[in-house]
Protein backbone atom coordinates (compact mmCIF):
# COMPACT_ATOMS: atom_id res chain seq x y z
CA MET A 1 -27.20 -17.72 16.51
CA MET A 2 -27.80 -16.64 12.81
CA LYS A 3 -27.04 -13.31 13.43
CA ASN A 4 -23.72 -13.95 14.47
CA LEU A 5 -22.83 -16.32 11.32
CA LEU A 6 -23.96 -14.30 8.62
CA PRO A 7 -21.12 -11.23 9.04
CA LYS A 8 -18.59 -14.04 9.03
CA ILE A 9 -20.11 -15.71 6.18
CA ALA A 10 -20.28 -12.36 4.26
CA ALA A 11 -16.45 -11.40 5.03
CA ALA A 12 -15.29 -14.75 3.92
CA ALA A 13 -17.33 -14.21 0.84
CA LEU A 14 -15.75 -11.08 0.30
CA LEU A 15 -12.25 -12.13 0.34
CA SER A 16 -12.93 -14.96 -1.58
CA ALA A 17 -14.31 -12.93 -4.55
CA SER A 18 -11.51 -10.34 -3.82
CA GLY A 19 -8.56 -13.13 -4.14
CA LEU A 20 -7.22 -12.36 -0.77
CA ALA A 21 -7.93 -16.04 -0.30
CA SER A 22 -5.32 -17.25 -2.70
CA ALA A 23 -3.02 -14.93 -1.32
CA GLY A 24 0.42 -15.84 0.16
CA ASP A 25 3.97 -15.02 1.52
CA CYS A 26 6.33 -14.61 -1.61
CA PRO A 27 10.33 -14.74 -1.33
CA THR A 28 11.89 -11.57 0.00
CA THR A 29 14.40 -12.11 -2.32
CA ASP A 30 12.89 -11.25 -5.61
CA LEU A 31 13.93 -7.36 -5.47
CA THR A 32 17.74 -6.02 -5.50
CA PHE A 33 18.87 -3.11 -5.22
CA ASP A 34 22.10 -0.65 -6.24
CA VAL A 35 21.78 0.79 -2.41
CA PRO A 36 24.14 -1.22 -0.10
CA GLY A 37 21.88 -2.27 2.92
CA VAL A 38 18.33 -1.85 1.74
CA THR A 39 16.28 -5.09 1.91
CA VAL A 40 12.93 -5.95 1.34
CA SER A 41 11.08 -6.82 4.76
CA LYS A 42 7.84 -8.09 3.89
CA CYS A 43 6.53 -10.12 0.11
CA TYR A 44 2.70 -10.93 -0.10
CA SER A 45 1.10 -12.27 -3.37
CA VAL A 46 -2.41 -12.15 -4.76
CA ALA A 47 -3.59 -13.67 -7.71
CA GLY A 48 -4.26 -11.99 -10.70
CA ASN A 49 -3.33 -8.11 -11.74
CA VAL A 50 -4.90 -5.79 -9.23
CA VAL A 51 -2.17 -2.79 -9.95
CA ASP A 52 -5.26 -2.08 -12.75
CA SER A 53 -7.27 0.18 -10.02
CA SER A 54 -10.63 -1.24 -11.32
CA PRO A 55 -12.72 -0.76 -8.41
CA ALA A 56 -12.92 -4.82 -7.20
CA ASP A 57 -9.06 -4.49 -7.63
CA LYS A 58 -8.70 -1.13 -5.32
CA LEU A 59 -10.75 -2.82 -2.22
CA THR A 60 -8.70 -5.84 -2.81
CA VAL A 61 -5.43 -3.57 -2.40
CA SER A 62 -6.76 -1.26 0.33
CA SER A 63 -8.06 -4.20 2.39
CA LEU A 64 -4.34 -6.14 1.68
CA LEU A 65 -2.29 -3.19 2.45
CA ALA A 66 -4.40 -2.74 5.87
CA THR A 67 -4.31 -6.27 6.80
CA GLN A 68 -0.87 -7.79 5.71
CA PHE A 69 0.88 -4.23 5.99
CA ALA A 70 -0.56 -2.33 8.76
CA PHE A 71 -0.82 0.61 6.52
CA SER A 72 -4.42 1.38 6.72
CA GLY A 73 -6.89 4.28 5.04
CA GLN A 74 -5.08 3.41 1.54
CA SER A 75 -7.72 4.06 -1.30
CA GLY A 76 -6.36 1.12 -3.24
CA VAL A 77 -4.94 3.29 -5.75
CA PRO A 78 -1.47 3.54 -6.96
CA ILE A 79 0.36 6.76 -6.48
CA THR A 80 1.80 6.03 -9.73
CA SER A 81 2.06 3.09 -12.05
CA PHE A 82 3.57 2.43 -15.19
CA ASN A 83 4.26 -0.67 -17.44
CA VAL A 84 7.24 -2.09 -17.73
CA SER A 85 9.13 -5.24 -19.26
CA ALA A 86 12.05 -7.11 -19.18
CA ASN A 87 15.21 -6.76 -21.08
CA GLY A 88 15.17 -9.84 -23.81
CA LEU A 89 19.13 -10.70 -23.06
CA THR A 90 19.15 -10.69 -19.42
CA HIS A 91 15.63 -11.03 -18.22
CA VAL A 92 16.19 -8.22 -15.72
CA THR A 93 13.41 -5.75 -15.30
CA THR A 94 14.66 -2.37 -13.99
CA TYR A 95 11.73 -0.56 -12.05
CA ASP A 96 12.71 2.91 -12.40
CA PHE A 97 9.76 5.21 -10.54
CA PRO A 98 9.48 8.78 -11.75
CA GLN A 99 10.32 10.04 -8.14
CA LEU A 100 13.24 8.95 -5.59
CA LEU A 101 11.85 6.19 -3.03
CA THR A 102 12.47 7.40 -0.10
CA GLY A 103 11.68 5.82 3.87
CA ASN A 104 9.17 3.14 4.12
CA VAL A 105 8.12 2.15 0.48
CA ILE A 106 5.36 -0.39 -0.57
CA VAL A 107 5.05 -1.66 -4.32
CA GLY A 108 3.28 -3.85 -6.55
CA LEU A 109 4.48 -5.74 -9.50
CA HIS A 110 2.31 -7.81 -11.98
CA PHE A 111 3.58 -10.64 -13.54
CA GLY A 112 1.61 -12.67 -16.14
CA ASN A 113 1.94 -15.82 -17.28
CA GLY A 114 4.55 -15.54 -19.19
CA GLN A 115 8.10 -18.05 -19.42
CA GLY A 116 10.10 -18.04 -16.24
CA GLY A 117 7.41 -15.64 -14.48
CA PRO A 118 5.65 -16.66 -10.97
CA GLY A 119 2.45 -17.13 -12.86
CA ASN A 120 -0.34 -14.56 -13.22
CA VAL A 121 -0.17 -12.73 -9.58
CA THR A 122 0.66 -9.45 -7.89
CA ASN A 123 3.22 -9.16 -5.32
CA PHE A 124 3.85 -6.44 -3.25
CA TYR A 125 7.04 -5.90 -1.44
CA ALA A 126 7.72 -3.74 1.49
CA PHE A 127 10.99 -2.15 2.37
CA ASN A 128 12.95 0.72 3.67
CA ALA A 129 14.50 3.00 1.18
CA GLY A 130 16.55 5.07 3.62
CA SER A 131 17.37 8.79 2.11
CA GLY A 132 16.56 7.26 -1.46
CA VAL A 133 16.84 4.60 -4.01
CA ASP A 134 16.26 5.55 -7.29
CA LYS A 135 15.44 2.17 -9.22
CA PHE A 136 15.71 -1.77 -8.11
CA TYR A 137 15.36 -4.69 -10.41
CA THR A 138 14.15 -8.16 -10.13
CA ALA A 139 14.96 -11.12 -12.46
CA LEU A 140 11.66 -12.69 -12.59
CA GLN A 141 10.33 -12.85 -16.15
CA ALA A 142 6.93 -11.69 -17.25
CA THR A 143 6.57 -9.03 -15.55
CA SER A 144 3.74 -6.25 -17.26
CA ASN A 145 3.18 -3.11 -14.74
CA ALA A 146 3.78 -1.98 -11.05
CA GLY A 147 2.64 0.30 -8.93
CA LEU A 148 3.95 2.26 -6.42
CA TYR A 149 1.45 2.34 -2.57
CA ARG A 150 3.47 4.31 -0.33
CA ILE A 151 6.24 6.13 0.36
CA SER A 152 7.51 8.29 3.17
CA ALA A 153 9.88 10.70 4.11
CA PRO A 154 12.84 9.21 5.24
CA VAL A 155 13.61 8.87 9.14
CA PRO A 156 16.60 10.82 9.74
CA GLU A 157 19.84 9.19 10.92
CA PRO A 158 21.33 10.45 15.09
CA GLU A 159 24.28 11.84 12.74
CA THR A 160 22.07 14.01 10.86
CA TYR A 161 20.33 15.28 14.19
CA ALA A 162 24.08 15.45 15.85
CA MET A 163 25.08 17.55 13.29
CA MET A 164 21.68 19.97 13.32
CA LEU A 165 22.24 20.30 17.32
CA ALA A 166 25.80 21.39 16.33
CA GLY A 167 24.81 24.01 13.83
CA LEU A 168 22.26 25.06 16.62
CA GLY A 169 25.13 25.59 19.34
CA LEU A 170 27.11 27.04 16.76
CA VAL A 171 24.62 29.70 16.00
CA GLY A 172 23.59 30.73 19.53
CA VAL A 173 27.79 30.84 20.14
CA ILE A 174 28.23 33.56 17.48
CA ALA A 175 25.30 35.36 18.63
CA ARG A 176 25.98 35.34 22.06
CA ARG A 177 29.28 36.96 20.69
CA ARG A 178 28.28 39.53 18.46
CA ARG A 179 26.19 40.80 21.55
CA ARG A 180 28.74 40.97 23.69
CA ALA A 181 31.06 42.79 21.00
CA ARG A 182 28.06 45.34 20.52
CA ALA A 183 27.93 46.03 24.56
């Protein structure tokens, strides 16, 4: 009996120490995009700043990405991270990652305890950027840093496949005509 209970107690202690015990859903409407049709599909919040890549935070982020976003095997270290600040007049923060965001994306944004912010939390947002989003925005104040945790190649639209097949068909027709012309 005690053997079966020990792993459960250890897992609960780990979750509590990692901050996941005080985590929960957050608004998917926090981010806005210039590209029409891009919306956040999931947002999950965890207490504190876990974008800093300390050993404990890497474990927290890795576990969170696996359990909340079905993205397992990630080390918890951001692909890219940088410090950000809100515009002093509009209080809008612009997140402009160094690379084009495409396909399925997961970002972690840390908000401190500043005025107008959600408190000392890191929110993780998942969205499909399609063929490219170069920046997005939030009106939440007290932003300090951000990390990119997932970026994938976009899934081609059906029109792209149709155009590719039409092109291959056209190449085949041209090749056939050239063969007939030589004969």
